[in-house]
PDB file of N, CA and C in Angstrom:
ATOM      1  N   MET A   1      36.264  18.617   9.555  1.00  0.00           N
ATOM      2  CA  MET A   1      35.109  18.279   8.756  1.00  0.00           C
ATOM      3  C   MET A   1      33.865  18.859   9.422  1.00  0.00           C
ATOM      4  N   GLN A   2      33.047  19.514   8.629  1.00  0.00           N
ATOM      5  CA  GLN A   2      31.813  20.103   9.149  1.00  0.00           C
ATOM      6  C   GLN A   2      30.639  19.157   8.899  1.00  0.00           C
ATOM      7  N   ILE A   3      29.579  19.364   9.669  1.00  0.00           N
ATOM      8  CA  ILE A   3      28.366  18.564   9.522  1.00  0.00           C
ATOM      9  C   ILE A   3      27.199  19.507   9.282  1.00  0.00           C
ATOM     10  N   PHE A   4      26.402  19.204   8.266  1.00  0.00           N
ATOM     11  CA  PHE A   4      25.197  19.979   7.982  1.00  0.00           C
ATOM     12  C   PHE A   4      23.982  19.106   8.276  1.00  0.00           C
ATOM     13  N   PHE A   5      23.142  19.556   9.211  1.00  0.00           N
ATOM     14  CA  PHE A   5      21.908  18.847   9.540  1.00  0.00           C
ATOM     15  C   PHE A   5      20.733  19.579   8.897  1.00  0.00           C
ATOM     16  N   SER A   6      20.047  18.910   7.991  1.00  0.00           N
ATOM     17  CA  SER A   6      18.887  19.506   7.324  1.00  0.00           C
ATOM     18  C   SER A   6      17.685  19.522   8.275  1.00  0.00           C
ATOM     19  N   LYS A   7      16.695  20.303   7.923  1.00  0.00           N
ATOM     20  CA  LYS A   7      15.461  20.357   8.723  1.00  0.00           C
ATOM     21  C   LYS A   7      14.800  18.982   8.761  1.00  0.00           C
ATOM     22  N   ASN A   8      14.775  18.329   7.621  1.00  0.00           N
ATOM     23  CA  ASN A   8      14.160  17.005   7.522  1.00  0.00           C
ATOM     24  C   ASN A   8      14.861  16.008   8.441  1.00  0.00           C
ATOM     25  N   PHE A   9      16.193  16.029   8.448  1.00  0.00           N
ATOM     26  CA  PHE A   9      16.950  15.118   9.309  1.00  0.00           C
ATOM     27  C   PHE A   9      16.702  15.442  10.783  1.00  0.00           C
ATOM     28  N   LYS A  10      16.658  16.711  11.118  1.00  0.00           N
ATOM     29  CA  LYS A  10      16.400  17.113  12.514  1.00  0.00           C
ATOM     30  C   LYS A  10      15.040  16.615  12.979  1.00  0.00           C
ATOM     31  N   GLN A  11      14.042  16.632  12.087  1.00  0.00           N
ATOM     32  CA  GLN A  11      12.712  16.132  12.440  1.00  0.00           C
ATOM     33  C   GLN A  11      12.749  14.628  12.709  1.00  0.00           C
ATOM     34  N   GLN A  12      13.471  13.898  11.872  1.00  0.00           N
ATOM     35  CA  GLN A  12      13.600  12.450  12.072  1.00  0.00           C
ATOM     36  C   GLN A  12      14.278  12.162  13.412  1.00  0.00           C
ATOM     37  N   LEU A  13      15.324  12.919  13.695  1.00  0.00           N
ATOM     38  CA  LEU A  13      16.075  12.744  14.940  1.00  0.00           C
ATOM     39  C   LEU A  13      15.194  13.051  16.154  1.00  0.00           C
ATOM     40  N   LYS A  14      14.392  14.089  16.039  1.00  0.00           N
ATOM     41  CA  LYS A  14      13.504  14.489  17.140  1.00  0.00           C
ATOM     42  C   LYS A  14      12.482  13.386  17.456  1.00  0.00           C
ATOM     43  N   LYS A  15      11.928  12.760  16.413  1.00  0.00           N
ATOM     44  CA  LYS A  15      10.976  11.670  16.621  1.00  0.00           C
ATOM     45  C   LYS A  15      11.640  10.485  17.326  1.00  0.00           C
ATOM     46  N   LEU A  16      12.834  10.146  16.887  1.00  0.00           N
ATOM     47  CA  LEU A  16      13.543   9.011  17.487  1.00  0.00           C
ATOM     48  C   LEU A  16      14.001   9.302  18.909  1.00  0.00           C
ATOM     49  N   LYS A  17      14.241  10.572  19.204  1.00  0.00           N
ATOM     50  CA  LYS A  17      14.735  10.946  20.532  1.00  0.00           C
ATOM     51  C   LYS A  17      13.702  10.648  21.626  1.00  0.00           C
ATOM     52  N   LYS A  18      12.420  10.628  21.271  1.00  0.00           N
ATOM     53  CA  LYS A  18      11.378  10.298  22.242  1.00  0.00           C
ATOM     54  C   LYS A  18      11.549   8.867  22.749  1.00  0.00           C
ATOM     55  N   LYS A  19      11.922   7.968  21.857  1.00  0.00           N
ATOM     56  CA  LYS A  19      12.089   6.559  22.214  1.00  0.00           C
ATOM     57  C   LYS A  19      13.528   6.248  22.646  1.00  0.00           C
ATOM     58  N   PHE A  20      14.483   6.991  22.082  1.00  0.00           N
ATOM     59  CA  PHE A  20      15.904   6.769  22.351  1.00  0.00           C
ATOM     60  C   PHE A  20      16.552   8.088  22.778  1.00  0.00           C
ATOM     61  N   PRO A  21      16.499   8.425  24.063  1.00  0.00           N
ATOM     62  CA  PRO A  21      16.966   9.735  24.543  1.00  0.00           C
ATOM     63  C   PRO A  21      18.432  10.053  24.240  1.00  0.00           C
ATOM     64  N   ASN A  22      19.268   9.039  24.076  1.00  0.00           N
ATOM     65  CA  ASN A  22      20.701   9.275  23.844  1.00  0.00           C
ATOM     66  C   ASN A  22      21.098   9.246  22.376  1.00  0.00           C
ATOM     67  N   ILE A  23      20.128   9.252  21.478  1.00  0.00           N
ATOM     68  CA  ILE A  23      20.431   9.098  20.056  1.00  0.00           C
ATOM     69  C   ILE A  23      21.339  10.210  19.519  1.00  0.00           C
ATOM     70  N   LYS A  24      21.120  11.422  19.968  1.00  0.00           N
ATOM     71  CA  LYS A  24      21.938  12.535  19.466  1.00  0.00           C
ATOM     72  C   LYS A  24      23.404  12.341  19.855  1.00  0.00           C
ATOM     73  N   ASN A  25      23.646  11.952  21.097  1.00  0.00           N
ATOM     74  CA  ASN A  25      25.019  11.695  21.549  1.00  0.00           C
ATOM     75  C   ASN A  25      25.640  10.523  20.796  1.00  0.00           C
ATOM     76  N   ASP A  26      24.851   9.466  20.571  1.00  0.00           N
ATOM     77  CA  ASP A  26      25.344   8.304  19.821  1.00  0.00           C
ATOM     78  C   ASP A  26      25.748   8.722  18.408  1.00  0.00           C
ATOM     79  N   LEU A  27      24.916   9.532  17.787  1.00  0.00           N
ATOM     80  CA  LEU A  27      25.180  10.000  16.424  1.00  0.00           C
ATOM     81  C   LEU A  27      26.430  10.871  16.361  1.00  0.00           C
ATOM     82  N   LEU A  28      26.512  11.858  17.238  1.00  0.00           N
ATOM     83  CA  LEU A  28      27.659  12.772  17.214  1.00  0.00           C
ATOM     84  C   LEU A  28      28.968  12.051  17.523  1.00  0.00           C
ATOM     85  N   GLU A  29      28.904  11.088  18.433  1.00  0.00           N
ATOM     86  CA  GLU A  29      30.109  10.318  18.747  1.00  0.00           C
ATOM     87  C   GLU A  29      30.580   9.532  17.524  1.00  0.00           C
ATOM     88  N   LYS A  30      29.640   8.891  16.837  1.00  0.00           N
ATOM     89  CA  LYS A  30      29.992   8.114  15.643  1.00  0.00           C
ATOM     90  C   LYS A  30      30.553   9.027  14.546  1.00  0.00           C
ATOM     91  N   LEU A  31      29.911  10.167  14.334  1.00  0.00           N
ATOM     92  CA  LEU A  31      30.366  11.078  13.279  1.00  0.00           C
ATOM     93  C   LEU A  31      31.734  11.669  13.587  1.00  0.00           C
ATOM     94  N   SER A  32      32.032  11.858  14.856  1.00  0.00           N
ATOM     95  CA  SER A  32      33.330  12.438  15.210  1.00  0.00           C
ATOM     96  C   SER A  32      34.482  11.460  14.962  1.00  0.00           C
ATOM     97  N   TRP A  33      34.192  10.157  14.939  1.00  0.00           N
ATOM     98  CA  TRP A  33      35.221   9.138  14.708  1.00  0.00           C
ATOM     99  C   TRP A  33      35.001   8.401  13.391  1.00  0.00           C
ATOM    100  N   LEU A  34      34.254   8.983  12.492  1.00  0.00           N
ATOM    101  CA  LEU A  34      33.864   8.316  11.254  1.00  0.00           C
ATOM    102  C   LEU A  34      35.060   8.007  10.358  1.00  0.00           C
ATOM    103  N   ASN A  35      35.122   6.767   9.909  1.00  0.00           N
ATOM    104  CA  ASN A  35      36.144   6.321   8.961  1.00  0.00           C
ATOM    105  C   ASN A  35      35.405   5.669   7.794  1.00  0.00           C
ATOM    106  N   PHE A  36      35.400   6.328   6.642  1.00  0.00           N
ATOM    107  CA  PHE A  36      34.621   5.841   5.504  1.00  0.00           C
ATOM    108  C   PHE A  36      35.070   4.471   5.004  1.00  0.00           C
ATOM    109  N   GLU A  37      36.288   4.091   5.288  1.00  0.00           N
ATOM    110  CA  GLU A  37      36.774   2.774   4.852  1.00  0.00           C
ATOM    111  C   GLU A  37      36.017   1.645   5.539  1.00  0.00           C
ATOM    112  N   ASN A  38      35.428   1.928   6.704  1.00  0.00           N
ATOM    113  CA  ASN A  38      34.691   0.913   7.460  1.00  0.00           C
ATOM    114  C   ASN A  38      33.189   0.960   7.209  1.00  0.00           C
ATOM    115  N   GLU A  39      32.742   1.841   6.324  1.00  0.00           N
ATOM    116  CA  GLU A  39      31.313   2.015   6.086  1.00  0.00           C
ATOM    117  C   GLU A  39      30.937   1.490   4.699  1.00  0.00           C
ATOM    118  N   ILE A  40      29.652   1.344   4.469  1.00  0.00           N
ATOM    119  CA  ILE A  40      29.160   0.797   3.204  1.00  0.00           C
ATOM    120  C   ILE A  40      28.899   1.929   2.219  1.00  0.00           C
ATOM    121  N   TYR A  41      29.571   1.862   1.076  1.00  0.00           N
ATOM    122  CA  TYR A  41      29.404   2.873   0.032  1.00  0.00           C
ATOM    123  C   TYR A  41      28.216   2.495  -0.841  1.00  0.00           C
ATOM    124  N   ILE A  42      27.251   3.410  -0.960  1.00  0.00           N
ATOM    125  CA  ILE A  42      26.047   3.170  -1.748  1.00  0.00           C
ATOM    126  C   ILE A  42      26.239   3.644  -3.186  1.00  0.00           C
ATOM    127  N   GLY A  43      26.930   4.759  -3.345  1.00  0.00           N
ATOM    128  CA  GLY A  43      27.123   5.390  -4.649  1.00  0.00           C
ATOM    129  C   GLY A  43      26.825   6.869  -4.535  1.00  0.00           C
ATOM    130  N   LYS A  44      27.311   7.660  -5.482  1.00  0.00           N
ATOM    131  CA  LYS A  44      27.078   9.112  -5.503  1.00  0.00           C
ATOM    132  C   LYS A  44      27.504   9.777  -4.198  1.00  0.00           C
ATOM    133  N   SER A  45      28.603   9.338  -3.630  1.00  0.00           N
ATOM    134  CA  SER A  45      29.152   9.882  -2.373  1.00  0.00           C
ATOM    135  C   SER A  45      28.232   9.675  -1.176  1.00  0.00           C
ATOM    136  N   ILE A  46      27.392   8.643  -1.228  1.00  0.00           N
ATOM    137  CA  ILE A  46      26.480   8.322  -0.126  1.00  0.00           C
ATOM    138  C   ILE A  46      26.939   7.027   0.543  1.00  0.00           C
ATOM    139  N   TYR A  47      26.948   7.061   1.866  1.00  0.00           N
ATOM    140  CA  TYR A  47      27.377   5.920   2.672  1.00  0.00           C
ATOM    141  C   TYR A  47      26.275   5.546   3.660  1.00  0.00           C
ATOM    142  N   THR A  48      26.216   4.262   4.005  1.00  0.00           N
ATOM    143  CA  THR A  48      25.355   3.781   5.081  1.00  0.00           C
ATOM    144  C   THR A  48      26.223   3.609   6.314  1.00  0.00           C
ATOM    145  N   ILE A  49      25.781   4.198   7.411  1.00  0.00           N
ATOM    146  CA  ILE A  49      26.518   4.136   8.668  1.00  0.00           C
ATOM    147  C   ILE A  49      25.665   3.384   9.682  1.00  0.00           C
ATOM    148  N   ARG A  50      26.264   2.428  10.355  1.00  0.00           N
ATOM    149  CA  ARG A  50      25.575   1.702  11.436  1.00  0.00           C
ATOM    150  C   ARG A  50      26.010   2.303  12.762  1.00  0.00           C
ATOM    151  N   ILE A  51      25.023   2.609  13.609  1.00  0.00           N
ATOM    152  CA  ILE A  51      25.314   3.223  14.901  1.00  0.00           C
ATOM    153  C   ILE A  51      24.688   2.392  16.012  1.00  0.00           C
ATOM    154  N   LYS A  52      25.490   2.071  16.992  1.00  0.00           N
ATOM    155  CA  LYS A  52      25.009   1.350  18.169  1.00  0.00           C
ATOM    156  C   LYS A  52      24.209   2.315  19.039  1.00  0.00           C
ATOM    157  N   SER A  53      23.097   1.829  19.575  1.00  0.00           N
ATOM    158  CA  SER A  53      22.269   2.631  20.472  1.00  0.00           C
ATOM    159  C   SER A  53      22.678   2.377  21.918  1.00  0.00           C
ATOM    160  N   SER A  54      23.014   3.434  22.629  1.00  0.00           N
ATOM    161  CA  SER A  54      23.358   3.277  24.044  1.00  0.00           C
ATOM    162  C   SER A  54      22.101   3.084  24.900  1.00  0.00           C
ATOM    163  N   ASP A  55      20.922   3.218  24.282  1.00  0.00           N
ATOM    164  CA  ASP A  55      19.662   3.000  24.993  1.00  0.00           C
ATOM    165  C   ASP A  55      19.196   1.545  24.892  1.00  0.00           C
ATOM    166  N   GLN A  56      19.874   0.749  24.057  1.00  0.00           N
ATOM    167  CA  GLN A  56      19.517  -0.655  23.882  1.00  0.00           C
ATOM    168  C   GLN A  56      20.773  -1.505  24.029  1.00  0.00           C
ATOM    169  N   ASN A  57      20.576  -2.772  24.274  1.00  0.00           N
ATOM    170  CA  ASN A  57      21.712  -3.698  24.354  1.00  0.00           C
ATOM    171  C   ASN A  57      21.701  -4.654  23.163  1.00  0.00           C
ATOM    172  N   LYS A  58      21.627  -4.098  21.963  1.00  0.00           N
ATOM    173  CA  LYS A  58      21.537  -4.935  20.768  1.00  0.00           C
ATOM    174  C   LYS A  58      22.729  -4.781  19.834  1.00  0.00           C
ATOM    175  N   GLY A  59      23.694  -3.944  20.166  1.00  0.00           N
ATOM    176  CA  GLY A  59      24.833  -3.732  19.285  1.00  0.00           C
ATOM    177  C   GLY A  59      24.453  -2.935  18.052  1.00  0.00           C
ATOM    178  N   LYS A  60      25.349  -2.911  17.081  1.00  0.00           N
ATOM    179  CA  LYS A  60      25.109  -2.145  15.861  1.00  0.00           C
ATOM    180  C   LYS A  60      23.953  -2.703  15.043  1.00  0.00           C
ATOM    181  N   SER A  61      23.786  -4.022  15.049  1.00  0.00           N
ATOM    182  CA  SER A  61      22.755  -4.637  14.206  1.00  0.00           C
ATOM    183  C   SER A  61      21.348  -4.222  14.625  1.00  0.00           C
ATOM    184  N   GLY A  62      21.140  -3.902  15.887  1.00  0.00           N
ATOM    185  CA  GLY A  62      19.828  -3.479  16.357  1.00  0.00           C
ATOM    186  C   GLY A  62      19.759  -1.996  16.637  1.00  0.00           C
ATOM    187  N   GLY A  63      20.760  -1.266  16.213  1.00  0.00           N
ATOM    188  CA  GLY A  63      20.823   0.173  16.486  1.00  0.00           C
ATOM    189  C   GLY A  63      20.159   1.006  15.411  1.00  0.00           C
ATOM    190  N   PHE A  64      20.905   1.959  14.880  1.00  0.00           N
ATOM    191  CA  PHE A  64      20.377   2.901  13.904  1.00  0.00           C
ATOM    192  C   PHE A  64      21.125   2.783  12.590  1.00  0.00           C
ATOM    193  N   ARG A  65      20.451   3.200  11.523  1.00  0.00           N
ATOM    194  CA  ARG A  65      21.082   3.345  10.217  1.00  0.00           C
ATOM    195  C   ARG A  65      20.982   4.809   9.830  1.00  0.00           C
ATOM    196  N   VAL A  66      22.094   5.322   9.353  1.00  0.00           N
ATOM    197  CA  VAL A  66      22.139   6.702   8.877  1.00  0.00           C
ATOM    198  C   VAL A  66      22.719   6.673   7.476  1.00  0.00           C
ATOM    199  N   TYR A  67      22.051   7.344   6.562  1.00  0.00           N
ATOM    200  CA  TYR A  67      22.593   7.525   5.220  1.00  0.00           C
ATOM    201  C   TYR A  67      23.221   8.907   5.186  1.00  0.00           C
ATOM    202  N   ILE A  68      24.495   8.945   4.794  1.00  0.00           N
ATOM    203  CA  ILE A  68      25.260  10.191   4.830  1.00  0.00           C
ATOM    204  C   ILE A  68      25.801  10.503   3.443  1.00  0.00           C
ATOM    205  N   TYR A  69      25.630  11.748   3.055  1.00  0.00           N
ATOM    206  CA  TYR A  69      26.229  12.256   1.819  1.00  0.00           C
ATOM    207  C   TYR A  69      27.509  12.986   2.205  1.00  0.00           C
ATOM    208  N   PHE A  70      28.607  12.649   1.559  1.00  0.00           N
ATOM    209  CA  PHE A  70      29.882  13.314   1.823  1.00  0.00           C
ATOM    210  C   PHE A  70      30.183  14.246   0.659  1.00  0.00           C
ATOM    211  N   TYR A  71      30.047  15.548   0.912  1.00  0.00           N
ATOM    212  CA  TYR A  71      30.313  16.562  -0.110  1.00  0.00           C
ATOM    213  C   TYR A  71      31.793  16.902  -0.040  1.00  0.00           C
ATOM    214  N   ILE A  72      32.568  16.271  -0.903  1.00  0.00           N
ATOM    215  CA  ILE A  72      34.028  16.311  -0.833  1.00  0.00           C
ATOM    216  C   ILE A  72      34.583  17.716  -1.019  1.00  0.00           C
ATOM    217  N   ARG A  73      34.058  18.474  -1.994  1.00  0.00           N
ATOM    218  CA  ARG A  73      34.608  19.810  -2.284  1.00  0.00           C
ATOM    219  C   ARG A  73      34.551  20.746  -1.085  1.00  0.00           C
ATOM    220  N   LYS A  74      33.556  20.579  -0.242  1.00  0.00           N
ATOM    221  CA  LYS A  74      33.407  21.438   0.939  1.00  0.00           C
ATOM    222  C   LYS A  74      33.815  20.723   2.224  1.00  0.00           C
ATOM    223  N   ASN A  75      34.265  19.461   2.104  1.00  0.00           N
ATOM    224  CA  ASN A  75      34.616  18.653   3.272  1.00  0.00           C
ATOM    225  C   ASN A  75      33.458  18.662   4.283  1.00  0.00           C
ATOM    226  N   LEU A  76      32.267  18.340   3.767  1.00  0.00           N
ATOM    227  CA  LEU A  76      31.028  18.466   4.521  1.00  0.00           C
ATOM    228  C   LEU A  76      30.315  17.118   4.617  1.00  0.00           C
ATOM    229  N   LEU A  77      29.970  16.717   5.838  1.00  0.00           N
ATOM    230  CA  LEU A  77      29.140  15.535   6.066  1.00  0.00           C
ATOM    231  C   LEU A  77      27.688  15.975   6.132  1.00  0.00           C
ATOM    232  N   VAL A  78      26.836  15.284   5.382  1.00  0.00           N
ATOM    233  CA  VAL A  78      25.427  15.659   5.332  1.00  0.00           C
ATOM    234  C   VAL A  78      24.570  14.417   5.589  1.00  0.00           C
ATOM    235  N   PRO A  79      24.118  14.215   6.835  1.00  0.00           N
ATOM    236  CA  PRO A  79      23.214  13.097   7.098  1.00  0.00           C
ATOM    237  C   PRO A  79      21.893  13.308   6.352  1.00  0.00           C
ATOM    238  N   LEU A  80      21.464  12.301   5.610  1.00  0.00           N
ATOM    239  CA  LEU A  80      20.242  12.405   4.817  1.00  0.00           C
ATOM    240  C   LEU A  80      19.030  11.874   5.559  1.00  0.00           C
ATOM    241  N   CYS A  81      19.185  10.723   6.218  1.00  0.00           N
ATOM    242  CA  CYS A  81      18.071  10.147   6.969  1.00  0.00           C
ATOM    243  C   CYS A  81      18.616   9.203   8.033  1.00  0.00           C
ATOM    244  N   ILE A  82      17.785   8.975   9.033  1.00  0.00           N
ATOM    245  CA  ILE A  82      18.140   8.083  10.135  1.00  0.00           C
ATOM    246  C   ILE A  82      16.896   7.300  10.529  1.00  0.00           C
ATOM    247  N   TYR A  83      17.095   6.024  10.860  1.00  0.00           N
ATOM    248  CA  TYR A  83      15.984   5.218  11.354  1.00  0.00           C
ATOM    249  C   TYR A  83      16.510   4.127  12.274  1.00  0.00           C
ATOM    250  N   SER A  84      15.630   3.639  13.104  1.00  0.00           N
ATOM    251  CA  SER A  84      15.967   2.560  14.026  1.00  0.00           C
ATOM    252  C   SER A  84      15.689   1.225  13.350  1.00  0.00           C
ATOM    253  N   LYS A  85      16.622   0.285  13.484  1.00  0.00           N
ATOM    254  CA  LYS A  85      16.419  -1.041  12.903  1.00  0.00           C
ATOM    255  C   LYS A  85      15.278  -1.780  13.594  1.00  0.00           C
ATOM    256  N   SER A  86      14.955  -1.398  14.821  1.00  0.00           N
ATOM    257  CA  SER A  86      13.836  -2.048  15.508  1.00  0.00           C
ATOM    258  C   SER A  86      12.492  -1.568  14.959  1.00  0.00           C
ATOM    259  N   ASP A  87      12.482  -0.405  14.295  1.00  0.00           N
ATOM    260  CA  ASP A  87      11.250   0.143  13.728  1.00  0.00           C
ATOM    261  C   ASP A  87      11.106  -0.141  12.238  1.00  0.00           C
ATOM    262  N   LYS A  88      12.232  -0.234  11.551  1.00  0.00           N
ATOM    263  CA  LYS A  88      12.207  -0.333  10.098  1.00  0.00           C
ATOM    264  C   LYS A  88      13.401  -1.162   9.634  1.00  0.00           C
ATOM    265  N   GLU A  89      13.171  -2.068   8.709  1.00  0.00           N
ATOM    266  CA  GLU A  89      14.249  -2.945   8.237  1.00  0.00           C
ATOM    267  C   GLU A  89      15.193  -2.217   7.275  1.00  0.00           C
ATOM    268  N   ASN A  90      14.637  -1.574   6.266  1.00  0.00           N
ATOM    269  CA  ASN A  90      15.420  -0.863   5.250  1.00  0.00           C
ATOM    270  C   ASN A  90      14.616   0.311   4.716  1.00  0.00           C
ATOM    271  N   ILE A  91      15.272   1.164   3.923  1.00  0.00           N
ATOM    272  CA  ILE A  91      14.531   2.185   3.199  1.00  0.00           C
ATOM    273  C   ILE A  91      14.691   1.906   1.706  1.00  0.00           C
ATOM    274  N   SER A  92      13.721   2.348   0.943  1.00  0.00           N
ATOM    275  CA  SER A  92      13.752   2.105  -0.499  1.00  0.00           C
ATOM    276  C   SER A  92      14.655   3.124  -1.191  1.00  0.00           C
ATOM    277  N   GLU A  93      15.019   2.812  -2.426  1.00  0.00           N
ATOM    278  CA  GLU A  93      15.812   3.755  -3.216  1.00  0.00           C
ATOM    279  C   GLU A  93      15.046   5.051  -3.431  1.00  0.00           C
ATOM    280  N   ASN A  94      13.727   4.936  -3.604  1.00  0.00           N
ATOM    281  CA  ASN A  94      12.900   6.136  -3.802  1.00  0.00           C
ATOM    282  C   ASN A  94      12.910   7.031  -2.571  1.00  0.00           C
ATOM    283  N   GLU A  95      12.821   6.408  -1.389  1.00  0.00           N
ATOM    284  CA  GLU A  95      12.888   7.181  -0.143  1.00  0.00           C
ATOM    285  C   GLU A  95      14.226   7.889  -0.009  1.00  0.00           C
ATOM    286  N   LEU A  96      15.291   7.167  -0.269  1.00  0.00           N
ATOM    287  CA  LEU A  96      16.628   7.746  -0.175  1.00  0.00           C
ATOM    288  C   LEU A  96      16.793   8.888  -1.174  1.00  0.00           C
ATOM    289  N   GLN A  97      16.278   8.699  -2.386  1.00  0.00           N
ATOM    290  CA  GLN A  97      16.356   9.760  -3.399  1.00  0.00           C
ATOM    291  C   GLN A  97      15.576  10.990  -2.945  1.00  0.00           C
ATOM    292  N   TYR A  98      14.411  10.765  -2.326  1.00  0.00           N
ATOM    293  CA  TYR A  98      13.608  11.876  -1.810  1.00  0.00           C
ATOM    294  C   TYR A  98      14.394  12.659  -0.759  1.00  0.00           C
ATOM    295  N   TYR A  99      14.981  11.968   0.212  1.00  0.00           N
ATOM    296  CA  TYR A  99      15.758  12.643   1.261  1.00  0.00           C
ATOM    297  C   TYR A  99      16.957  13.380   0.669  1.00  0.00           C
ATOM    298  N   PHE A 100      17.605  12.759  -0.302  1.00  0.00           N
ATOM    299  CA  PHE A 100      18.749  13.397  -0.958  1.00  0.00           C
ATOM    300  C   PHE A 100      18.309  14.682  -1.662  1.00  0.00           C
ATOM    301  N   ASP A 101      17.241  14.600  -2.449  1.00  0.00           N
ATOM    302  CA  ASP A 101      16.748  15.775  -3.188  1.00  0.00           C
ATOM    303  C   ASP A 101      16.349  16.900  -2.243  1.00  0.00           C
ATOM    304  N   GLN A 102      15.623  16.576  -1.174  1.00  0.00           N
ATOM    305  CA  GLN A 102      15.196  17.583  -0.206  1.00  0.00           C
ATOM    306  C   GLN A 102      16.389  18.250   0.463  1.00  0.00           C
ATOM    307  N   THR A 103      17.372  17.458   0.830  1.00  0.00           N
ATOM    308  CA  THR A 103      18.548  17.980   1.525  1.00  0.00           C
ATOM    309  C   THR A 103      19.387  18.858   0.606  1.00  0.00           C
ATOM    310  N   ILE A 104      19.595  18.415  -0.626  1.00  0.00           N
ATOM    311  CA  ILE A 104      20.373  19.211  -1.583  1.00  0.00           C
ATOM    312  C   ILE A 104      19.673  20.530  -1.864  1.00  0.00           C
ATOM    313  N   GLU A 105      18.361  20.499  -1.995  1.00  0.00           N
ATOM    314  CA  GLU A 105      17.601  21.737  -2.218  1.00  0.00           C
ATOM    315  C   GLU A 105      17.799  22.708  -1.060  1.00  0.00           C
ATOM    316  N   GLU A 106      17.734  22.205   0.162  1.00  0.00           N
ATOM    317  CA  GLU A 106      17.951  23.056   1.337  1.00  0.00           C
ATOM    318  C   GLU A 106      19.382  23.600   1.368  1.00  0.00           C
ATOM    319  N   MET A 107      20.340  22.765   1.029  1.00  0.00           N
ATOM    320  CA  MET A 107      21.733  23.223   0.997  1.00  0.00           C
ATOM    321  C   MET A 107      21.934  24.316  -0.051  1.00  0.00           C
ATOM    322  N   LEU A 108      21.323  24.146  -1.206  1.00  0.00           N
ATOM    323  CA  LEU A 108      21.436  25.150  -2.265  1.00  0.00           C
ATOM    324  C   LEU A 108      20.856  26.486  -1.824  1.00  0.00           C
ATOM    325  N   GLN A 109      19.719  26.438  -1.157  1.00  0.00           N
ATOM    326  CA  GLN A 109      19.100  27.669  -0.664  1.00  0.00           C
ATOM    327  C   GLN A 109      19.955  28.337   0.405  1.00  0.00           C
ATOM    328  N   ARG A 110      20.565  27.547   1.258  1.00  0.00           N
ATOM    329  CA  ARG A 110      21.327  28.097   2.364  1.00  0.00           C
ATOM    330  C   ARG A 110      22.733  28.539   1.955  1.00  0.00           C
ATOM    331  N   PHE A 111      23.396  27.733   1.143  1.00  0.00           N
ATOM    332  CA  PHE A 111      24.799  27.994   0.832  1.00  0.00           C
ATOM    333  C   PHE A 111      25.053  28.457  -0.594  1.00  0.00           C
ATOM    334  N   LEU A 112      24.057  28.356  -1.447  1.00  0.00           N
ATOM    335  CA  LEU A 112      24.241  28.657  -2.868  1.00  0.00           C
ATOM    336  C   LEU A 112      25.457  27.930  -3.421  1.00  0.00           C
ATOM    337  N   LEU A 113      25.428  26.602  -3.290  1.00  0.00           N
ATOM    338  CA  LEU A 113      26.578  25.769  -3.708  1.00  0.00           C
ATOM    339  C   LEU A 113      26.878  25.927  -5.172  1.00  0.00           C
TER     340      LEU A 113
END
């Protein structure tokens, strides 16, 4: 399974990395062992993933949330957005739609899906 990181997602990750230096490793470790049966399905092939932060001692509930689009035809994981639960409780449907639209547009330009 391949992973596509959009520019927007990379920017979000970069901001969080200042406060949580191990976030990239935490994310990649979770994605490498990802089992969709254990994750929350939002709809339209989008899942919410909970990730424990190795920089904090709060478990998954105080870690990170990642919304991931699974593009089945290409066997491609596409993280849409990431945030820390200590900074933000939830994201709105409008925010998620914005990240989805931006990411799909970038994928279309890059891969001509």
